[in-house]
Structure formats: C-alpha cells, structure tokens
Amino acid sequence: MPLRLPHAIPMAFAMEMMLTGEFIDAEQALRIGLVSRVVPREELISTCEAIALKIASNGQLAVRITKRLAYASLRMGLDQAREVSSALNQINSMSPDTVEGPRAFSEKRAPRFGETR
C-alpha cells in the first residue's frame, strides 16, 4: 500500500499516513480522495452492487480500455497518455458497441452491448 498511496491521494496526506502509521476514518478518506463515497454499513453491499451493475451495463471493450488507460496513464506523461488514449479510442470506435450505444439512445431503449447482429 505505501507505494501506491502517493499515486492515489495528495502527497502531503500520503506522507503523513505513511510516516505516522495512523489510521484515518471514512470521512477523512472521502475528503482526501482515497475513496469515492461513504455509505452507511447497511447500504454497503447494495451500493457496491448498484455501481457494479452500472459499470457492467456499459460496453465491455470501452470499460476495459478506460480501466487500462487510467492505470497506464499514471506511469506516463500527459502527452504520451493522450497519444495512447487516441489510439485506444480508435480501436474502440471500431467496436459494434460504438454503434449500439447511440442507436439504443435514439430508440429510447437500454443498449445491448456485446450482442452480435
């Protein structure tokens, strides 16, 4: 965790946590960007499931590309990340899902990503 922490949150917070070894509470984790949201314990599973379903409802290729690009961009400069993003977007644009999304929107229905026609 210590090696990843400075990439996840501002350096000042990362250094304080790593050097003091002190834990932070959920509200502090939210405030510094370590977590994306805080929910009551009884809503944790349903919230996670809702987020997972929302991600799963998107085009699988686009999700994979976005995830890989997000992590890869941490190891490269902005110009290189833009080049890689452009190349990956070209690959994604050739996916049938790129046609399905706007088609489903215009037909006022849920997209059916990954289906062959």
PDB file of N, CA and C in Angstrom:
ATOM      1  N   MET A   1       0.809  -1.207   0.000  1.00  0.00           N
ATOM      2  CA  MET A   1       0.000   0.000   0.000  1.00  0.00           C
ATOM      3  C   MET A   1       0.848   1.266   0.000  1.00  0.00           C
ATOM      4  N   PRO A   2       1.904   1.372   0.780  1.00  0.00           N
ATOM      5  CA  PRO A   2       2.640   2.641   0.804  1.00  0.00           C
ATOM      6  C   PRO A   2       3.134   3.094  -0.575  1.00  0.00           C
ATOM      7  N   LEU A   3       3.498   2.174  -1.450  1.00  0.00           N
ATOM      8  CA  LEU A   3       3.986   2.594  -2.754  1.00  0.00           C
ATOM      9  C   LEU A   3       2.877   3.158  -3.630  1.00  0.00           C
ATOM     10  N   ARG A   4       1.672   2.701  -3.440  1.00  0.00           N
ATOM     11  CA  ARG A   4       0.542   3.174  -4.238  1.00  0.00           C
ATOM     12  C   ARG A   4      -0.088   4.441  -3.677  1.00  0.00           C
ATOM     13  N   LEU A   5       0.013   4.642  -2.397  1.00  0.00           N
ATOM     14  CA  LEU A   5      -0.678   5.741  -1.740  1.00  0.00           C
ATOM     15  C   LEU A   5      -0.361   7.113  -2.339  1.00  0.00           C
ATOM     16  N   PRO A   6       0.912   7.463  -2.608  1.00  0.00           N
ATOM     17  CA  PRO A   6       1.189   8.774  -3.195  1.00  0.00           C
ATOM     18  C   PRO A   6       0.607   8.960  -4.597  1.00  0.00           C
ATOM     19  N   HIS A   7       0.246   7.861  -5.259  1.00  0.00           N
ATOM     20  CA  HIS A   7      -0.403   7.969  -6.565  1.00  0.00           C
ATOM     21  C   HIS A   7      -1.908   8.145  -6.420  1.00  0.00           C
ATOM     22  N   ALA A   8      -2.435   7.801  -5.258  1.00  0.00           N
ATOM     23  CA  ALA A   8      -3.878   7.817  -5.056  1.00  0.00           C
ATOM     24  C   ALA A   8      -4.388   9.091  -4.405  1.00  0.00           C
ATOM     25  N   ILE A   9      -3.570   9.717  -3.580  1.00  0.00           N
ATOM     26  CA  ILE A   9      -4.004  10.904  -2.833  1.00  0.00           C
ATOM     27  C   ILE A   9      -2.878  11.935  -2.865  1.00  0.00           C
ATOM     28  N   PRO A  10      -3.179  13.176  -2.465  1.00  0.00           N
ATOM     29  CA  PRO A  10      -2.120  14.188  -2.431  1.00  0.00           C
ATOM     30  C   PRO A  10      -0.939  13.752  -1.547  1.00  0.00           C
ATOM     31  N   MET A  11       0.253  14.112  -1.974  1.00  0.00           N
ATOM     32  CA  MET A  11       1.487  13.693  -1.312  1.00  0.00           C
ATOM     33  C   MET A  11       1.511  14.044   0.171  1.00  0.00           C
ATOM     34  N   ALA A  12       1.017  15.216   0.548  1.00  0.00           N
ATOM     35  CA  ALA A  12       1.053  15.611   1.966  1.00  0.00           C
ATOM     36  C   ALA A  12       0.275  14.616   2.834  1.00  0.00           C
ATOM     37  N   PHE A  13      -0.889  14.208   2.375  1.00  0.00           N
ATOM     38  CA  PHE A  13      -1.683  13.236   3.135  1.00  0.00           C
ATOM     39  C   PHE A  13      -1.010  11.867   3.124  1.00  0.00           C
ATOM     40  N   ALA A  14      -0.479  11.483   1.956  1.00  0.00           N
ATOM     41  CA  ALA A  14       0.184  10.179   1.855  1.00  0.00           C
ATOM     42  C   ALA A  14       1.380  10.113   2.801  1.00  0.00           C
ATOM     43  N   MET A  15       2.196  11.148   2.812  1.00  0.00           N
ATOM     44  CA  MET A  15       3.372  11.143   3.678  1.00  0.00           C
ATOM     45  C   MET A  15       2.973  11.098   5.155  1.00  0.00           C
ATOM     46  N   GLU A  16       1.975  11.875   5.525  1.00  0.00           N
ATOM     47  CA  GLU A  16       1.541  11.852   6.919  1.00  0.00           C
ATOM     48  C   GLU A  16       1.068  10.458   7.319  1.00  0.00           C
ATOM     49  N   MET A  17       0.277   9.829   6.471  1.00  0.00           N
ATOM     50  CA  MET A  17      -0.222   8.489   6.793  1.00  0.00           C
ATOM     51  C   MET A  17       0.915   7.475   6.850  1.00  0.00           C
ATOM     52  N   MET A  18       1.834   7.548   5.893  1.00  0.00           N
ATOM     53  CA  MET A  18       2.919   6.567   5.847  1.00  0.00           C
ATOM     54  C   MET A  18       3.913   6.769   6.991  1.00  0.00           C
ATOM     55  N   LEU A  19       4.212   8.011   7.318  1.00  0.00           N
ATOM     56  CA  LEU A  19       5.226   8.279   8.336  1.00  0.00           C
ATOM     57  C   LEU A  19       4.709   8.149   9.765  1.00  0.00           C
ATOM     58  N   THR A  20       3.421   8.416   9.967  1.00  0.00           N
ATOM     59  CA  THR A  20       2.884   8.297  11.321  1.00  0.00           C
ATOM     60  C   THR A  20       2.271   6.927  11.585  1.00  0.00           C
ATOM     61  N   GLY A  21       1.842   6.254  10.509  1.00  0.00           N
ATOM     62  CA  GLY A  21       1.191   4.963  10.676  1.00  0.00           C
ATOM     63  C   GLY A  21      -0.211   5.073  11.245  1.00  0.00           C
ATOM     64  N   GLU A  22      -0.727   6.291  11.328  1.00  0.00           N
ATOM     65  CA  GLU A  22      -2.059   6.499  11.884  1.00  0.00           C
ATOM     66  C   GLU A  22      -3.135   6.162  10.857  1.00  0.00           C
ATOM     67  N   PHE A  23      -4.236   5.648  11.365  1.00  0.00           N
ATOM     68  CA  PHE A  23      -5.387   5.341  10.526  1.00  0.00           C
ATOM     69  C   PHE A  23      -6.240   6.584  10.365  1.00  0.00           C
ATOM     70  N   ILE A  24      -7.033   6.610   9.304  1.00  0.00           N
ATOM     71  CA  ILE A  24      -7.980   7.707   9.103  1.00  0.00           C
ATOM     72  C   ILE A  24      -9.386   7.116   9.072  1.00  0.00           C
ATOM     73  N   ASP A  25     -10.370   7.966   9.361  1.00  0.00           N
ATOM     74  CA  ASP A  25     -11.747   7.484   9.324  1.00  0.00           C
ATOM     75  C   ASP A  25     -12.314   7.654   7.909  1.00  0.00           C
ATOM     76  N   ALA A  26     -13.526   7.169   7.715  1.00  0.00           N
ATOM     77  CA  ALA A  26     -14.149   7.181   6.393  1.00  0.00           C
ATOM     78  C   ALA A  26     -14.333   8.599   5.855  1.00  0.00           C
ATOM     79  N   GLU A  27     -14.724   9.522   6.701  1.00  0.00           N
ATOM     80  CA  GLU A  27     -14.943  10.901   6.248  1.00  0.00           C
ATOM     81  C   GLU A  27     -13.641  11.547   5.773  1.00  0.00           C
ATOM     82  N   GLN A  28     -12.551  11.301   6.504  1.00  0.00           N
ATOM     83  CA  GLN A  28     -11.235  11.819   6.080  1.00  0.00           C
ATOM     84  C   GLN A  28     -10.818  11.162   4.768  1.00  0.00           C
ATOM     85  N   ALA A  29     -11.043   9.854   4.632  1.00  0.00           N
ATOM     86  CA  ALA A  29     -10.707   9.148   3.391  1.00  0.00           C
ATOM     87  C   ALA A  29     -11.460   9.740   2.211  1.00  0.00           C
ATOM     88  N   LEU A  30     -12.720  10.099   2.424  1.00  0.00           N
ATOM     89  CA  LEU A  30     -13.510  10.733   1.368  1.00  0.00           C
ATOM     90  C   LEU A  30     -12.970  12.122   1.049  1.00  0.00           C
ATOM     91  N   ARG A  31     -12.680  12.885   2.079  1.00  0.00           N
ATOM     92  CA  ARG A  31     -12.199  14.261   1.908  1.00  0.00           C
ATOM     93  C   ARG A  31     -10.895  14.328   1.112  1.00  0.00           C
ATOM     94  N   ILE A  32     -10.001  13.357   1.304  1.00  0.00           N
ATOM     95  CA  ILE A  32      -8.707  13.406   0.617  1.00  0.00           C
ATOM     96  C   ILE A  32      -8.706  12.609  -0.689  1.00  0.00           C
ATOM     97  N   GLY A  33      -9.838  11.998  -1.027  1.00  0.00           N
ATOM     98  CA  GLY A  33      -9.948  11.304  -2.298  1.00  0.00           C
ATOM     99  C   GLY A  33      -9.493   9.857  -2.299  1.00  0.00           C
ATOM    100  N   LEU A  34      -9.333   9.263  -1.143  1.00  0.00           N
ATOM    101  CA  LEU A  34      -8.919   7.864  -1.067  1.00  0.00           C
ATOM    102  C   LEU A  34     -10.076   6.935  -1.413  1.00  0.00           C
ATOM    103  N   VAL A  35     -11.299   7.362  -1.133  1.00  0.00           N
ATOM    104  CA  VAL A  35     -12.499   6.616  -1.500  1.00  0.00           C
ATOM    105  C   VAL A  35     -13.424   7.549  -2.280  1.00  0.00           C
ATOM    106  N   SER A  36     -14.308   6.971  -3.071  1.00  0.00           N
ATOM    107  CA  SER A  36     -15.190   7.793  -3.893  1.00  0.00           C
ATOM    108  C   SER A  36     -16.492   8.159  -3.192  1.00  0.00           C
ATOM    109  N   ARG A  37     -16.869   7.387  -2.177  1.00  0.00           N
ATOM    110  CA  ARG A  37     -18.076   7.704  -1.418  1.00  0.00           C
ATOM    111  C   ARG A  37     -18.075   6.949  -0.095  1.00  0.00           C
ATOM    112  N   VAL A  38     -18.880   7.443   0.811  1.00  0.00           N
ATOM    113  CA  VAL A  38     -19.058   6.797   2.108  1.00  0.00           C
ATOM    114  C   VAL A  38     -20.548   6.557   2.272  1.00  0.00           C
ATOM    115  N   VAL A  39     -20.903   5.329   2.620  1.00  0.00           N
ATOM    116  CA  VAL A  39     -22.313   4.983   2.817  1.00  0.00           C
ATOM    117  C   VAL A  39     -22.456   4.276   4.155  1.00  0.00           C
ATOM    118  N   PRO A  40     -23.654   4.295   4.712  1.00  0.00           N
ATOM    119  CA  PRO A  40     -23.872   3.540   5.952  1.00  0.00           C
ATOM    120  C   PRO A  40     -23.596   2.051   5.723  1.00  0.00           C
ATOM    121  N   ARG A  41     -23.125   1.395   6.750  1.00  0.00           N
ATOM    122  CA  ARG A  41     -22.749  -0.025   6.653  1.00  0.00           C
ATOM    123  C   ARG A  41     -23.864  -0.870   6.027  1.00  0.00           C
ATOM    124  N   GLU A  42     -25.115  -0.617   6.421  1.00  0.00           N
ATOM    125  CA  GLU A  42     -26.219  -1.429   5.917  1.00  0.00           C
ATOM    126  C   GLU A  42     -26.503  -1.202   4.425  1.00  0.00           C
ATOM    127  N   GLU A  43     -25.948  -0.135   3.851  1.00  0.00           N
ATOM    128  CA  GLU A  43     -26.126   0.144   2.420  1.00  0.00           C
ATOM    129  C   GLU A  43     -24.901  -0.237   1.588  1.00  0.00           C
ATOM    130  N   LEU A  44     -23.866  -0.743   2.236  1.00  0.00           N
ATOM    131  CA  LEU A  44     -22.605  -1.012   1.540  1.00  0.00           C
ATOM    132  C   LEU A  44     -22.769  -1.995   0.385  1.00  0.00           C
ATOM    133  N   ILE A  45     -23.343  -3.155   0.640  1.00  0.00           N
ATOM    134  CA  ILE A  45     -23.472  -4.184  -0.403  1.00  0.00           C
ATOM    135  C   ILE A  45     -24.365  -3.700  -1.533  1.00  0.00           C
ATOM    136  N   SER A  46     -25.509  -3.116  -1.202  1.00  0.00           N
ATOM    137  CA  SER A  46     -26.417  -2.655  -2.262  1.00  0.00           C
ATOM    138  C   SER A  46     -25.785  -1.534  -3.089  1.00  0.00           C
ATOM    139  N   THR A  47     -25.006  -0.664  -2.451  1.00  0.00           N
ATOM    140  CA  THR A  47     -24.325   0.411  -3.185  1.00  0.00           C
ATOM    141  C   THR A  47     -23.271  -0.167  -4.117  1.00  0.00           C
ATOM    142  N   CYS A  48     -22.488  -1.112  -3.615  1.00  0.00           N
ATOM    143  CA  CYS A  48     -21.465  -1.753  -4.456  1.00  0.00           C
ATOM    144  C   CYS A  48     -22.103  -2.485  -5.627  1.00  0.00           C
ATOM    145  N   GLU A  49     -23.196  -3.191  -5.370  1.00  0.00           N
ATOM    146  CA  GLU A  49     -23.887  -3.902  -6.447  1.00  0.00           C
ATOM    147  C   GLU A  49     -24.429  -2.936  -7.492  1.00  0.00           C
ATOM    148  N   ALA A  50     -24.987  -1.814  -7.051  1.00  0.00           N
ATOM    149  CA  ALA A  50     -25.527  -0.822  -7.987  1.00  0.00           C
ATOM    150  C   ALA A  50     -24.418  -0.248  -8.874  1.00  0.00           C
ATOM    151  N   ILE A  51     -23.273   0.045  -8.287  1.00  0.00           N
ATOM    152  CA  ILE A  51     -22.146   0.563  -9.066  1.00  0.00           C
ATOM    153  C   ILE A  51     -21.657  -0.501 -10.049  1.00  0.00           C
ATOM    154  N   ALA A  52     -21.536  -1.740  -9.572  1.00  0.00           N
ATOM    155  CA  ALA A  52     -21.075  -2.828 -10.446  1.00  0.00           C
ATOM    156  C   ALA A  52     -22.036  -3.042 -11.608  1.00  0.00           C
ATOM    157  N   LEU A  53     -23.337  -2.995 -11.344  1.00  0.00           N
ATOM    158  CA  LEU A  53     -24.316  -3.161 -12.413  1.00  0.00           C
ATOM    159  C   LEU A  53     -24.251  -2.023 -13.423  1.00  0.00           C
ATOM    160  N   LYS A  54     -24.016  -0.828 -12.940  1.00  0.00           N
ATOM    161  CA  LYS A  54     -23.908   0.325 -13.838  1.00  0.00           C
ATOM    162  C   LYS A  54     -22.681   0.173 -14.752  1.00  0.00           C
ATOM    163  N   ILE A  55     -21.562  -0.261 -14.181  1.00  0.00           N
ATOM    164  CA  ILE A  55     -20.354  -0.490 -14.981  1.00  0.00           C
ATOM    165  C   ILE A  55     -20.598  -1.628 -15.971  1.00  0.00           C
ATOM    166  N   ALA A  56     -21.213  -2.712 -15.498  1.00  0.00           N
ATOM    167  CA  ALA A  56     -21.459  -3.877 -16.353  1.00  0.00           C
ATOM    168  C   ALA A  56     -22.429  -3.565 -17.485  1.00  0.00           C
ATOM    169  N   SER A  57     -23.255  -2.546 -17.334  1.00  0.00           N
ATOM    170  CA  SER A  57     -24.211  -2.198 -18.383  1.00  0.00           C
ATOM    171  C   SER A  57     -23.563  -1.410 -19.516  1.00  0.00           C
ATOM    172  N   ASN A  58     -22.338  -0.988 -19.330  1.00  0.00           N
ATOM    173  CA  ASN A  58     -21.607  -0.265 -20.383  1.00  0.00           C
ATOM    174  C   ASN A  58     -20.918  -1.255 -21.320  1.00  0.00           C
ATOM    175  N   GLY A  59     -20.457  -0.747 -22.437  1.00  0.00           N
ATOM    176  CA  GLY A  59     -19.750  -1.598 -23.383  1.00  0.00           C
ATOM    177  C   GLY A  59     -18.496  -2.183 -22.753  1.00  0.00           C
ATOM    178  N   GLN A  60     -18.359  -3.498 -22.835  1.00  0.00           N
ATOM    179  CA  GLN A  60     -17.254  -4.198 -22.180  1.00  0.00           C
ATOM    180  C   GLN A  60     -15.887  -3.715 -22.675  1.00  0.00           C
ATOM    181  N   LEU A  61     -15.743  -3.524 -23.972  1.00  0.00           N
ATOM    182  CA  LEU A  61     -14.466  -3.066 -24.519  1.00  0.00           C
ATOM    183  C   LEU A  61     -14.131  -1.669 -24.010  1.00  0.00           C
ATOM    184  N   ALA A  62     -15.099  -0.787 -24.011  1.00  0.00           N
ATOM    185  CA  ALA A  62     -14.870   0.580 -23.533  1.00  0.00           C
ATOM    186  C   ALA A  62     -14.463   0.593 -22.058  1.00  0.00           C
ATOM    187  N   VAL A  63     -15.096  -0.245 -21.256  1.00  0.00           N
ATOM    188  CA  VAL A  63     -14.753  -0.319 -19.832  1.00  0.00           C
ATOM    189  C   VAL A  63     -13.322  -0.810 -19.667  1.00  0.00           C
ATOM    190  N   ARG A  64     -12.964  -1.872 -20.402  1.00  0.00           N
ATOM    191  CA  ARG A  64     -11.593  -2.410 -20.301  1.00  0.00           C
ATOM    192  C   ARG A  64     -10.566  -1.371 -20.746  1.00  0.00           C
ATOM    193  N   ILE A  65     -10.847  -0.696 -21.851  1.00  0.00           N
ATOM    194  CA  ILE A  65      -9.920   0.318 -22.360  1.00  0.00           C
ATOM    195  C   ILE A  65      -9.767   1.455 -21.350  1.00  0.00           C
ATOM    196  N   THR A  66     -10.871   1.923 -20.819  1.00  0.00           N
ATOM    197  CA  THR A  66     -10.824   3.025 -19.857  1.00  0.00           C
ATOM    198  C   THR A  66     -10.022   2.647 -18.625  1.00  0.00           C
ATOM    199  N   LYS A  67     -10.258   1.450 -18.115  1.00  0.00           N
ATOM    200  CA  LYS A  67      -9.542   0.997 -16.920  1.00  0.00           C
ATOM    201  C   LYS A  67      -8.040   0.889 -17.186  1.00  0.00           C
ATOM    202  N   ARG A  68      -7.675   0.266 -18.293  1.00  0.00           N
ATOM    203  CA  ARG A  68      -6.248   0.130 -18.620  1.00  0.00           C
ATOM    204  C   ARG A  68      -5.590   1.480 -18.837  1.00  0.00           C
ATOM    205  N   LEU A  69      -6.270   2.373 -19.538  1.00  0.00           N
ATOM    206  CA  LEU A  69      -5.704   3.694 -19.796  1.00  0.00           C
ATOM    207  C   LEU A  69      -5.533   4.480 -18.500  1.00  0.00           C
ATOM    208  N   ALA A  70      -6.502   4.391 -17.613  1.00  0.00           N
ATOM    209  CA  ALA A  70      -6.409   5.121 -16.342  1.00  0.00           C
ATOM    210  C   ALA A  70      -5.177   4.686 -15.560  1.00  0.00           C
ATOM    211  N   TYR A  71      -4.958   3.377 -15.456  1.00  0.00           N
ATOM    212  CA  TYR A  71      -3.792   2.886 -14.707  1.00  0.00           C
ATOM    213  C   TYR A  71      -2.490   3.159 -15.457  1.00  0.00           C
ATOM    214  N   ALA A  72      -2.488   2.962 -16.759  1.00  0.00           N
ATOM    215  CA  ALA A  72      -1.268   3.191 -17.543  1.00  0.00           C
ATOM    216  C   ALA A  72      -0.867   4.659 -17.524  1.00  0.00           C
ATOM    217  N   SER A  73      -1.846   5.555 -17.490  1.00  0.00           N
ATOM    218  CA  SER A  73      -1.537   6.986 -17.528  1.00  0.00           C
ATOM    219  C   SER A  73      -0.777   7.448 -16.290  1.00  0.00           C
ATOM    220  N   LEU A  74      -0.858   6.677 -15.211  1.00  0.00           N
ATOM    221  CA  LEU A  74      -0.099   7.029 -14.008  1.00  0.00           C
ATOM    222  C   LEU A  74       1.400   6.902 -14.227  1.00  0.00           C
ATOM    223  N   ARG A  75       1.789   6.104 -15.227  1.00  0.00           N
ATOM    224  CA  ARG A  75       3.203   5.850 -15.472  1.00  0.00           C
ATOM    225  C   ARG A  75       3.741   6.620 -16.677  1.00  0.00           C
ATOM    226  N   MET A  76       2.958   7.536 -17.219  1.00  0.00           N
ATOM    227  CA  MET A  76       3.415   8.257 -18.403  1.00  0.00           C
ATOM    228  C   MET A  76       3.047   9.731 -18.303  1.00  0.00           C
ATOM    229  N   GLY A  77       3.681  10.507 -19.128  1.00  0.00           N
ATOM    230  CA  GLY A  77       3.389  11.929 -19.177  1.00  0.00           C
ATOM    231  C   GLY A  77       2.068  12.181 -19.875  1.00  0.00           C
ATOM    232  N   LEU A  78       1.581  13.409 -19.770  1.00  0.00           N
ATOM    233  CA  LEU A  78       0.292  13.761 -20.337  1.00  0.00           C
ATOM    234  C   LEU A  78       0.270  13.598 -21.857  1.00  0.00           C
ATOM    235  N   ASP A  79       1.329  14.003 -22.539  1.00  0.00           N
ATOM    236  CA  ASP A  79       1.360  13.876 -23.999  1.00  0.00           C
ATOM    237  C   ASP A  79       1.296  12.415 -24.431  1.00  0.00           C
ATOM    238  N   GLN A  80       2.063  11.569 -23.758  1.00  0.00           N
ATOM    239  CA  GLN A  80       2.046  10.150 -24.096  1.00  0.00           C
ATOM    240  C   GLN A  80       0.676   9.542 -23.778  1.00  0.00           C
ATOM    241  N   ALA A  81       0.093   9.930 -22.673  1.00  0.00           N
ATOM    242  CA  ALA A  81      -1.235   9.419 -22.302  1.00  0.00           C
ATOM    243  C   ALA A  81      -2.267   9.824 -23.345  1.00  0.00           C
ATOM    244  N   ARG A  82      -2.162  11.034 -23.860  1.00  0.00           N
ATOM    245  CA  ARG A  82      -3.088  11.477 -24.913  1.00  0.00           C
ATOM    246  C   ARG A  82      -2.930  10.650 -26.179  1.00  0.00           C
ATOM    247  N   GLU A  83      -1.692  10.338 -26.548  1.00  0.00           N
ATOM    248  CA  GLU A  83      -1.449   9.512 -27.730  1.00  0.00           C
ATOM    249  C   GLU A  83      -2.031   8.117 -27.554  1.00  0.00           C
ATOM    250  N   VAL A  84      -1.777   7.527 -26.405  1.00  0.00           N
ATOM    251  CA  VAL A  84      -2.304   6.187 -26.124  1.00  0.00           C
ATOM    252  C   VAL A  84      -3.826   6.228 -26.103  1.00  0.00           C
ATOM    253  N   SER A  85      -4.401   7.250 -25.491  1.00  0.00           N
ATOM    254  CA  SER A  85      -5.850   7.391 -25.430  1.00  0.00           C
ATOM    255  C   SER A  85      -6.441   7.490 -26.831  1.00  0.00           C
ATOM    256  N   SER A  86      -5.815   8.262 -27.679  1.00  0.00           N
ATOM    257  CA  SER A  86      -6.296   8.409 -29.055  1.00  0.00           C
ATOM    258  C   SER A  86      -6.281   7.075 -29.790  1.00  0.00           C
ATOM    259  N   ALA A  87      -5.192   6.326 -29.639  1.00  0.00           N
ATOM    260  CA  ALA A  87      -5.084   5.023 -30.301  1.00  0.00           C
ATOM    261  C   ALA A  87      -6.139   4.054 -29.770  1.00  0.00           C
ATOM    262  N   LEU A  88      -6.324   4.032 -28.462  1.00  0.00           N
ATOM    263  CA  LEU A  88      -7.309   3.125 -27.885  1.00  0.00           C
ATOM    264  C   LEU A  88      -8.733   3.523 -28.264  1.00  0.00           C
ATOM    265  N   ASN A  89      -8.975   4.824 -28.370  1.00  0.00           N
ATOM    266  CA  ASN A  89     -10.306   5.278 -28.793  1.00  0.00           C
ATOM    267  C   ASN A  89     -10.588   4.879 -30.233  1.00  0.00           C
ATOM    268  N   GLN A  90      -9.565   4.861 -31.070  1.00  0.00           N
ATOM    269  CA  GLN A  90      -9.749   4.404 -32.449  1.00  0.00           C
ATOM    270  C   GLN A  90     -10.134   2.930 -32.466  1.00  0.00           C
ATOM    271  N   ILE A  91      -9.471   2.134 -31.639  1.00  0.00           N
ATOM    272  CA  ILE A  91      -9.811   0.711 -31.543  1.00  0.00           C
ATOM    273  C   ILE A  91     -11.253   0.562 -31.073  1.00  0.00           C
ATOM    274  N   ASN A  92     -11.614   1.297 -30.037  1.00  0.00           N
ATOM    275  CA  ASN A  92     -12.967   1.218 -29.503  1.00  0.00           C
ATOM    276  C   ASN A  92     -14.005   1.666 -30.528  1.00  0.00           C
ATOM    277  N   SER A  93     -13.656   2.654 -31.346  1.00  0.00           N
ATOM    278  CA  SER A  93     -14.615   3.174 -32.328  1.00  0.00           C
ATOM    279  C   SER A  93     -14.969   2.137 -33.390  1.00  0.00           C
ATOM    280  N   MET A  94     -14.148   1.105 -33.537  1.00  0.00           N
ATOM    281  CA  MET A  94     -14.433   0.045 -34.500  1.00  0.00           C
ATOM    282  C   MET A  94     -15.318  -1.048 -33.904  1.00  0.00           C
ATOM    283  N   SER A  95     -15.613  -0.940 -32.633  1.00  0.00           N
ATOM    284  CA  SER A  95     -16.440  -1.928 -31.942  1.00  0.00           C
ATOM    285  C   SER A  95     -17.907  -1.734 -32.312  1.00  0.00           C
ATOM    286  N   PRO A  96     -18.646  -2.830 -32.475  1.00  0.00           N
ATOM    287  CA  PRO A  96     -20.091  -2.700 -32.708  1.00  0.00           C
ATOM    288  C   PRO A  96     -20.804  -1.948 -31.579  1.00  0.00           C
ATOM    289  N   ASP A  97     -20.230  -1.971 -30.383  1.00  0.00           N
ATOM    290  CA  ASP A  97     -20.830  -1.269 -29.258  1.00  0.00           C
ATOM    291  C   ASP A  97     -20.891   0.233 -29.491  1.00  0.00           C
ATOM    292  N   THR A  98     -19.981   0.757 -30.294  1.00  0.00           N
ATOM    293  CA  THR A  98     -19.953   2.188 -30.577  1.00  0.00           C
ATOM    294  C   THR A  98     -21.178   2.599 -31.389  1.00  0.00           C
ATOM    295  N   VAL A  99     -21.698   1.686 -32.179  1.00  0.00           N
ATOM    296  CA  VAL A  99     -22.924   1.943 -32.942  1.00  0.00           C
ATOM    297  C   VAL A  99     -24.150   1.693 -32.060  1.00  0.00           C
ATOM    298  N   GLU A 100     -24.081   0.656 -31.229  1.00  0.00           N
ATOM    299  CA  GLU A 100     -25.224   0.260 -30.401  1.00  0.00           C
ATOM    300  C   GLU A 100     -25.618   1.328 -29.392  1.00  0.00           C
ATOM    301  N   GLY A 101     -24.656   1.977 -28.763  1.00  0.00           N
ATOM    302  CA  GLY A 101     -24.977   2.988 -27.749  1.00  0.00           C
ATOM    303  C   GLY A 101     -25.862   4.105 -28.288  1.00  0.00           C
ATOM    304  N   PRO A 102     -25.422   4.830 -29.312  1.00  0.00           N
ATOM    305  CA  PRO A 102     -26.272   5.896 -29.871  1.00  0.00           C
ATOM    306  C   PRO A 102     -27.589   5.365 -30.461  1.00  0.00           C
ATOM    307  N   ARG A 103     -27.542   4.170 -31.065  1.00  0.00           N
ATOM    308  CA  ARG A 103     -28.781   3.592 -31.628  1.00  0.00           C
ATOM    309  C   ARG A 103     -29.797   3.351 -30.513  1.00  0.00           C
ATOM    310  N   ALA A 104     -29.354   2.756 -29.427  1.00  0.00           N
ATOM    311  CA  ALA A 104     -30.258   2.491 -28.306  1.00  0.00           C
ATOM    312  C   ALA A 104     -30.803   3.794 -27.741  1.00  0.00           C
ATOM    313  N   PHE A 105     -29.968   4.799 -27.650  1.00  0.00           N
ATOM    314  CA  PHE A 105     -30.413   6.100 -27.136  1.00  0.00           C
ATOM    315  C   PHE A 105     -31.503   6.679 -28.029  1.00  0.00           C
ATOM    316  N   SER A 106     -31.279   6.654 -29.344  1.00  0.00           N
ATOM    317  CA  SER A 106     -32.273   7.227 -30.267  1.00  0.00           C
ATOM    318  C   SER A 106     -33.561   6.414 -30.286  1.00  0.00           C
ATOM    319  N   GLU A 107     -33.455   5.114 -30.003  1.00  0.00           N
ATOM    320  CA  GLU A 107     -34.643   4.250 -29.968  1.00  0.00           C
ATOM    321  C   GLU A 107     -35.259   4.199 -28.565  1.00  0.00           C
ATOM    322  N   LYS A 108     -34.689   4.977 -27.645  1.00  0.00           N
ATOM    323  CA  LYS A 108     -35.195   5.069 -26.264  1.00  0.00           C
ATOM    324  C   LYS A 108     -35.297   3.694 -25.604  1.00  0.00           C
ATOM    325  N   ARG A 109     -34.205   2.943 -25.667  1.00  0.00           N
ATOM    326  CA  ARG A 109     -34.140   1.625 -25.046  1.00  0.00           C
ATOM    327  C   ARG A 109     -32.767   1.431 -24.435  1.00  0.00           C
ATOM    328  N   ALA A 110     -32.647   0.431 -23.591  1.00  0.00           N
ATOM    329  CA  ALA A 110     -31.344   0.109 -22.995  1.00  0.00           C
ATOM    330  C   ALA A 110     -30.459  -0.504 -24.064  1.00  0.00           C
ATOM    331  N   PRO A 111     -29.178  -0.121 -24.073  1.00  0.00           N
ATOM    332  CA  PRO A 111     -28.267  -0.723 -25.062  1.00  0.00           C
ATOM    333  C   PRO A 111     -28.035  -2.202 -24.766  1.00  0.00           C
ATOM    334  N   ARG A 112     -27.805  -2.943 -25.838  1.00  0.00           N
ATOM    335  CA  ARG A 112     -27.475  -4.365 -25.719  1.00  0.00           C
ATOM    336  C   ARG A 112     -26.031  -4.539 -26.223  1.00  0.00           C
ATOM    337  N   PHE A 113     -25.095  -4.164 -25.378  1.00  0.00           N
ATOM    338  CA  PHE A 113     -23.685  -4.236 -25.750  1.00  0.00           C
ATOM    339  C   PHE A 113     -23.227  -5.676 -25.859  1.00  0.00           C
ATOM    340  N   GLY A 114     -22.324  -5.916 -26.800  1.00  0.00           N
ATOM    341  CA  GLY A 114     -21.723  -7.232 -26.940  1.00  0.00           C
ATOM    342  C   GLY A 114     -22.533  -8.236 -27.715  1.00  0.00           C
ATOM    343  N   GLU A 115     -23.725  -7.863 -28.132  1.00  0.00           N
ATOM    344  CA  GLU A 115     -24.546  -8.774 -28.906  1.00  0.00           C
ATOM    345  C   GLU A 115     -24.149  -8.715 -30.367  1.00  0.00           C
ATOM    346  N   THR A 116     -24.194  -9.838 -31.039  1.00  0.00           N
ATOM    347  CA  THR A 116     -23.922  -9.847 -32.475  1.00  0.00           C
ATOM    348  C   THR A 116     -25.226  -9.678 -33.222  1.00  0.00           C
ATOM    349  N   ARG A 117     -25.172  -9.062 -34.341  1.00  0.00           N
ATOM    350  CA  ARG A 117     -26.387  -8.787 -35.121  1.00  0.00           C
ATOM    351  C   ARG A 117     -26.401  -9.631 -36.370  1.00  0.00           C
TER     352      ARG A 117
END
